[in-house]
Each structure stands twice: as C-alpha cells, then as structure tokens.
Amino acid sequence: METLFKQLESYKDDFGFLFRIGKLTNMANTDLLKHCMALQNRLTDGESKDTDALDLYAQLIIFRLLVTENQTPLEVISIVKNSNGSFKIYVERGKN
C-alpha cells in the first residue's frame, strides 16, 4: 500500500500542474515553464524525449486563454475536441 501512495505522489509531482487545467489561468508564466521543463526531463531517456517542454509551454499559454478555473475535465476535453486539431497531443512516442 505504501508503494502505491509513493507512486501516486510521484505522478502528482510530475503531472500535478495538469490535473486541474483551469488553474493554469492563474499560474505565472515562469512557473508554467518550470513545470513543462520538469515534465520533459521526467519523460526523457538519454537522447530520446517523449515531449518538448517549449512546445507544451507554448500550447498551454494559448490553451489557458480558452478555459476557466472552474471548468470540469469533460468541458476542457470538449474544448480540445472542438479545436479542429489546433492542439496536438503533447506526448508523442519516439519523437526526438
């Protein structure tokens, strides 16, 4: 059980800034960039990285203009769905 809680805490540390996407509306740009860089570092193995921090940061800067702090995850997913491909999936396997 303790291992499970440690794993959940690790996920929160790595992805927590994305759990409530609406909170990005009030996050300082420097903090958002810091979180994106940390996520890229976490998802990097040698020369292979699964996400690009600057690309994620740029897209989240734009995306946070489209959401409010109190929107539900379903409402946020609907925004992405209706964006006609404007927002790509941030994690791309095998992208260097």
N, C-alpha and C. Protein backbone atom coordinates (compact mmCIF):
# COMPACT_ATOMS: atom_id res chain seq x y z
N MET A 1 0.82 -1.19 0.00
CA MET A 1 0.00 0.00 0.00
C MET A 1 0.87 1.26 0.00
N GLU A 2 1.95 1.23 0.78
CA GLU A 2 2.83 2.39 0.85
C GLU A 2 3.46 2.68 -0.51
N THR A 3 3.80 1.63 -1.25
CA THR A 3 4.37 1.79 -2.58
C THR A 3 3.39 2.49 -3.51
N LEU A 4 2.12 2.13 -3.42
CA LEU A 4 1.09 2.76 -4.23
C LEU A 4 1.01 4.25 -3.95
N PHE A 5 1.04 4.62 -2.67
CA PHE A 5 0.97 6.04 -2.32
C PHE A 5 2.21 6.80 -2.79
N LYS A 6 3.36 6.17 -2.73
CA LYS A 6 4.58 6.80 -3.24
C LYS A 6 4.49 7.00 -4.75
N GLN A 7 3.92 6.02 -5.44
CA GLN A 7 3.76 6.14 -6.89
C GLN A 7 2.78 7.25 -7.23
N LEU A 8 1.67 7.34 -6.51
CA LEU A 8 0.70 8.41 -6.74
C LEU A 8 1.31 9.77 -6.46
N GLU A 9 2.11 9.86 -5.44
CA GLU A 9 2.79 11.12 -5.12
C GLU A 9 3.74 11.52 -6.24
N SER A 10 4.42 10.52 -6.81
CA SER A 10 5.32 10.77 -7.94
C SER A 10 4.55 11.31 -9.14
N TYR A 11 3.39 10.72 -9.43
CA TYR A 11 2.56 11.21 -10.53
C TYR A 11 2.11 12.65 -10.27
N LYS A 12 1.75 12.93 -9.04
CA LYS A 12 1.33 14.29 -8.69
C LYS A 12 2.48 15.27 -8.90
N ASP A 13 3.69 14.88 -8.49
CA ASP A 13 4.85 15.74 -8.66
C ASP A 13 5.13 16.02 -10.13
N ASP A 14 4.97 15.01 -10.97
CA ASP A 14 5.29 15.15 -12.39
C ASP A 14 4.18 15.80 -13.21
N PHE A 15 2.93 15.40 -12.95
CA PHE A 15 1.81 15.82 -13.78
C PHE A 15 0.80 16.70 -13.05
N GLY A 16 1.03 16.98 -11.78
CA GLY A 16 0.06 17.68 -10.95
C GLY A 16 -0.41 19.01 -11.51
N PHE A 17 0.48 19.73 -12.18
CA PHE A 17 0.08 21.02 -12.72
C PHE A 17 -0.95 20.89 -13.84
N LEU A 18 -1.14 19.67 -14.36
CA LEU A 18 -2.13 19.43 -15.40
C LEU A 18 -3.42 18.81 -14.87
N PHE A 19 -3.43 18.39 -13.60
CA PHE A 19 -4.61 17.74 -13.06
C PHE A 19 -5.83 18.65 -13.06
N ARG A 20 -5.65 19.91 -12.71
CA ARG A 20 -6.73 20.90 -12.76
C ARG A 20 -6.30 21.96 -13.75
N ILE A 21 -6.57 21.70 -15.01
CA ILE A 21 -6.07 22.54 -16.10
C ILE A 21 -6.53 24.00 -15.96
N GLY A 22 -7.69 24.21 -15.35
CA GLY A 22 -8.18 25.57 -15.16
C GLY A 22 -7.30 26.42 -14.27
N LYS A 23 -6.54 25.77 -13.40
CA LYS A 23 -5.65 26.52 -12.51
C LYS A 23 -4.50 27.16 -13.27
N LEU A 24 -4.28 26.74 -14.51
CA LEU A 24 -3.24 27.36 -15.32
C LEU A 24 -3.55 28.82 -15.61
N THR A 25 -4.82 29.18 -15.53
CA THR A 25 -5.20 30.57 -15.82
C THR A 25 -4.54 31.55 -14.87
N ASN A 26 -4.22 31.10 -13.67
CA ASN A 26 -3.61 31.99 -12.67
C ASN A 26 -2.13 31.69 -12.41
N MET A 27 -1.56 30.74 -13.14
CA MET A 27 -0.17 30.37 -12.91
C MET A 27 0.76 31.33 -13.65
N ALA A 28 1.81 31.75 -12.98
CA ALA A 28 2.80 32.63 -13.60
C ALA A 28 3.50 31.88 -14.74
N ASN A 29 3.83 32.63 -15.79
CA ASN A 29 4.49 32.03 -16.95
C ASN A 29 5.77 31.30 -16.55
N THR A 30 6.54 31.88 -15.63
CA THR A 30 7.79 31.25 -15.22
C THR A 30 7.53 29.91 -14.52
N ASP A 31 6.47 29.84 -13.72
CA ASP A 31 6.13 28.58 -13.05
C ASP A 31 5.66 27.54 -14.06
N LEU A 32 4.86 27.97 -15.02
CA LEU A 32 4.38 27.05 -16.04
C LEU A 32 5.55 26.48 -16.84
N LEU A 33 6.47 27.33 -17.22
CA LEU A 33 7.65 26.87 -17.96
C LEU A 33 8.47 25.90 -17.11
N LYS A 34 8.62 26.19 -15.83
CA LYS A 34 9.35 25.31 -14.93
C LYS A 34 8.71 23.92 -14.88
N HIS A 35 7.38 23.88 -14.79
CA HIS A 35 6.67 22.60 -14.76
C HIS A 35 6.84 21.84 -16.09
N CYS A 36 6.77 22.56 -17.20
CA CYS A 36 6.93 21.92 -18.51
C CYS A 36 8.34 21.35 -18.67
N MET A 37 9.34 22.09 -18.20
CA MET A 37 10.72 21.61 -18.29
C MET A 37 10.91 20.38 -17.40
N ALA A 38 10.33 20.40 -16.22
CA ALA A 38 10.45 19.25 -15.32
C ALA A 38 9.78 18.02 -15.92
N LEU A 39 8.62 18.22 -16.56
CA LEU A 39 7.93 17.10 -17.20
C LEU A 39 8.76 16.54 -18.35
N GLN A 40 9.35 17.42 -19.16
CA GLN A 40 10.21 16.95 -20.24
C GLN A 40 11.37 16.15 -19.68
N ASN A 41 11.99 16.63 -18.62
CA ASN A 41 13.12 15.91 -18.02
C ASN A 41 12.67 14.54 -17.53
N ARG A 42 11.49 14.46 -16.94
CA ARG A 42 10.97 13.19 -16.42
C ARG A 42 10.70 12.20 -17.55
N LEU A 43 10.29 12.71 -18.72
CA LEU A 43 9.92 11.85 -19.84
C LEU A 43 11.05 11.70 -20.85
N THR A 44 12.27 12.00 -20.43
CA THR A 44 13.43 11.87 -21.30
C THR A 44 14.28 10.70 -20.85
N ASP A 45 14.71 9.91 -21.83
CA ASP A 45 15.60 8.78 -21.57
C ASP A 45 16.78 8.91 -22.52
N GLY A 46 17.90 9.40 -22.02
CA GLY A 46 19.06 9.62 -22.88
C GLY A 46 18.76 10.72 -23.88
N GLU A 47 18.88 10.39 -25.15
CA GLU A 47 18.60 11.35 -26.22
C GLU A 47 17.14 11.31 -26.67
N SER A 48 16.39 10.35 -26.18
CA SER A 48 15.00 10.19 -26.59
C SER A 48 14.07 10.90 -25.61
N LYS A 49 13.27 11.83 -26.12
CA LYS A 49 12.32 12.51 -25.25
C LYS A 49 10.91 12.34 -25.81
N ASP A 50 9.96 12.21 -24.90
CA ASP A 50 8.57 11.97 -25.28
C ASP A 50 7.76 13.25 -25.39
N THR A 51 8.30 14.34 -24.94
CA THR A 51 7.59 15.62 -25.05
C THR A 51 8.60 16.74 -25.17
N ASP A 52 8.20 17.84 -25.76
CA ASP A 52 9.05 19.01 -25.91
C ASP A 52 8.51 20.10 -24.99
N ALA A 53 9.30 20.50 -24.01
CA ALA A 53 8.84 21.44 -22.99
C ALA A 53 8.41 22.78 -23.58
N LEU A 54 9.16 23.30 -24.51
CA LEU A 54 8.82 24.61 -25.07
C LEU A 54 7.55 24.56 -25.91
N ASP A 55 7.35 23.45 -26.61
CA ASP A 55 6.12 23.28 -27.38
C ASP A 55 4.91 23.15 -26.45
N LEU A 56 5.05 22.33 -25.42
CA LEU A 56 3.98 22.18 -24.44
C LEU A 56 3.67 23.52 -23.79
N TYR A 57 4.70 24.24 -23.39
CA TYR A 57 4.53 25.54 -22.76
C TYR A 57 3.77 26.51 -23.68
N ALA A 58 4.19 26.59 -24.93
CA ALA A 58 3.53 27.50 -25.89
C ALA A 58 2.06 27.15 -26.07
N GLN A 59 1.77 25.86 -26.16
CA GLN A 59 0.37 25.45 -26.35
C GLN A 59 -0.46 25.70 -25.10
N LEU A 60 0.13 25.49 -23.92
CA LEU A 60 -0.62 25.74 -22.68
C LEU A 60 -0.86 27.23 -22.45
N ILE A 61 0.07 28.07 -22.88
CA ILE A 61 -0.13 29.52 -22.79
C ILE A 61 -1.37 29.92 -23.59
N ILE A 62 -1.51 29.38 -24.78
CA ILE A 62 -2.68 29.67 -25.61
C ILE A 62 -3.93 29.00 -25.04
N PHE A 63 -3.79 27.74 -24.66
CA PHE A 63 -4.94 26.97 -24.19
C PHE A 63 -5.56 27.57 -22.94
N ARG A 64 -4.73 28.11 -22.06
CA ARG A 64 -5.29 28.65 -20.82
C ARG A 64 -6.16 29.88 -21.05
N LEU A 65 -6.05 30.48 -22.21
CA LEU A 65 -6.94 31.58 -22.56
C LEU A 65 -8.35 31.09 -22.90
N LEU A 66 -8.48 29.81 -23.19
CA LEU A 66 -9.75 29.23 -23.61
C LEU A 66 -10.53 28.57 -22.49
N VAL A 67 -9.90 28.40 -21.33
CA VAL A 67 -10.55 27.70 -20.22
C VAL A 67 -10.71 28.64 -19.03
N THR A 68 -11.63 28.26 -18.15
CA THR A 68 -11.78 28.98 -16.90
C THR A 68 -11.35 28.06 -15.77
N GLU A 69 -11.10 28.64 -14.62
CA GLU A 69 -10.59 27.87 -13.50
C GLU A 69 -11.55 26.80 -13.03
N ASN A 70 -12.85 27.00 -13.21
CA ASN A 70 -13.84 26.08 -12.67
C ASN A 70 -14.40 25.07 -13.67
N GLN A 71 -13.85 25.02 -14.87
CA GLN A 71 -14.36 24.06 -15.84
C GLN A 71 -14.01 22.63 -15.45
N THR A 72 -14.93 21.75 -15.75
CA THR A 72 -14.73 20.34 -15.45
C THR A 72 -13.80 19.72 -16.50
N PRO A 73 -13.19 18.59 -16.18
CA PRO A 73 -12.36 17.91 -17.18
C PRO A 73 -13.12 17.61 -18.47
N LEU A 74 -14.38 17.24 -18.36
CA LEU A 74 -15.18 16.95 -19.55
C LEU A 74 -15.35 18.21 -20.42
N GLU A 75 -15.56 19.34 -19.80
CA GLU A 75 -15.69 20.59 -20.55
C GLU A 75 -14.37 20.94 -21.24
N VAL A 76 -13.27 20.71 -20.56
CA VAL A 76 -11.96 21.01 -21.14
C VAL A 76 -11.68 20.08 -22.32
N ILE A 77 -12.02 18.80 -22.17
CA ILE A 77 -11.84 17.85 -23.28
C ILE A 77 -12.69 18.28 -24.48
N SER A 78 -13.87 18.79 -24.22
CA SER A 78 -14.73 19.27 -25.29
C SER A 78 -14.08 20.43 -26.05
N ILE A 79 -13.40 21.30 -25.34
CA ILE A 79 -12.69 22.40 -25.99
C ILE A 79 -11.62 21.85 -26.92
N VAL A 80 -10.86 20.88 -26.44
CA VAL A 80 -9.81 20.28 -27.26
C VAL A 80 -10.44 19.62 -28.49
N LYS A 81 -11.52 18.87 -28.27
CA LYS A 81 -12.19 18.17 -29.37
C LYS A 81 -12.68 19.14 -30.44
N ASN A 82 -13.20 20.26 -30.00
CA ASN A 82 -13.78 21.23 -30.94
C ASN A 82 -12.76 22.21 -31.50
N SER A 83 -11.49 22.02 -31.18
CA SER A 83 -10.46 22.96 -31.65
C SER A 83 -9.99 22.65 -33.07
N ASN A 84 -10.58 21.64 -33.70
CA ASN A 84 -10.24 21.27 -35.08
C ASN A 84 -8.75 21.02 -35.28
N GLY A 85 -8.16 20.32 -34.32
CA GLY A 85 -6.75 19.95 -34.47
C GLY A 85 -5.77 21.03 -34.08
N SER A 86 -6.23 22.14 -33.52
CA SER A 86 -5.32 23.21 -33.14
C SER A 86 -4.37 22.79 -32.03
N PHE A 87 -4.81 21.87 -31.19
CA PHE A 87 -3.97 21.40 -30.09
C PHE A 87 -3.65 19.94 -30.31
N LYS A 88 -2.37 19.63 -30.47
CA LYS A 88 -1.98 18.25 -30.69
C LYS A 88 -1.82 17.56 -29.34
N ILE A 89 -1.71 16.26 -29.37
CA ILE A 89 -1.42 15.50 -28.18
C ILE A 89 0.04 15.79 -27.82
N TYR A 90 0.28 16.17 -26.57
CA TYR A 90 1.60 16.65 -26.17
C TYR A 90 2.65 15.57 -26.10
N VAL A 91 2.28 14.36 -25.80
CA VAL A 91 3.26 13.29 -25.68
C VAL A 91 3.21 12.46 -26.95
N GLU A 92 4.33 12.46 -27.66
CA GLU A 92 4.42 11.72 -28.91
C GLU A 92 5.54 10.69 -28.77
N ARG A 93 5.22 9.44 -28.82
CA ARG A 93 6.21 8.38 -28.68
C ARG A 93 7.24 8.44 -29.81
N GLY A 94 8.50 8.34 -29.42
CA GLY A 94 9.57 8.24 -30.40
C GLY A 94 9.97 9.56 -31.02
N LYS A 95 9.37 10.67 -30.62
CA LYS A 95 9.75 11.96 -31.18
C LYS A 95 11.01 12.45 -30.48
N ASN A 96 12.01 12.82 -31.25
CA ASN A 96 13.25 13.33 -30.67
C ASN A 96 13.33 14.82 -30.78
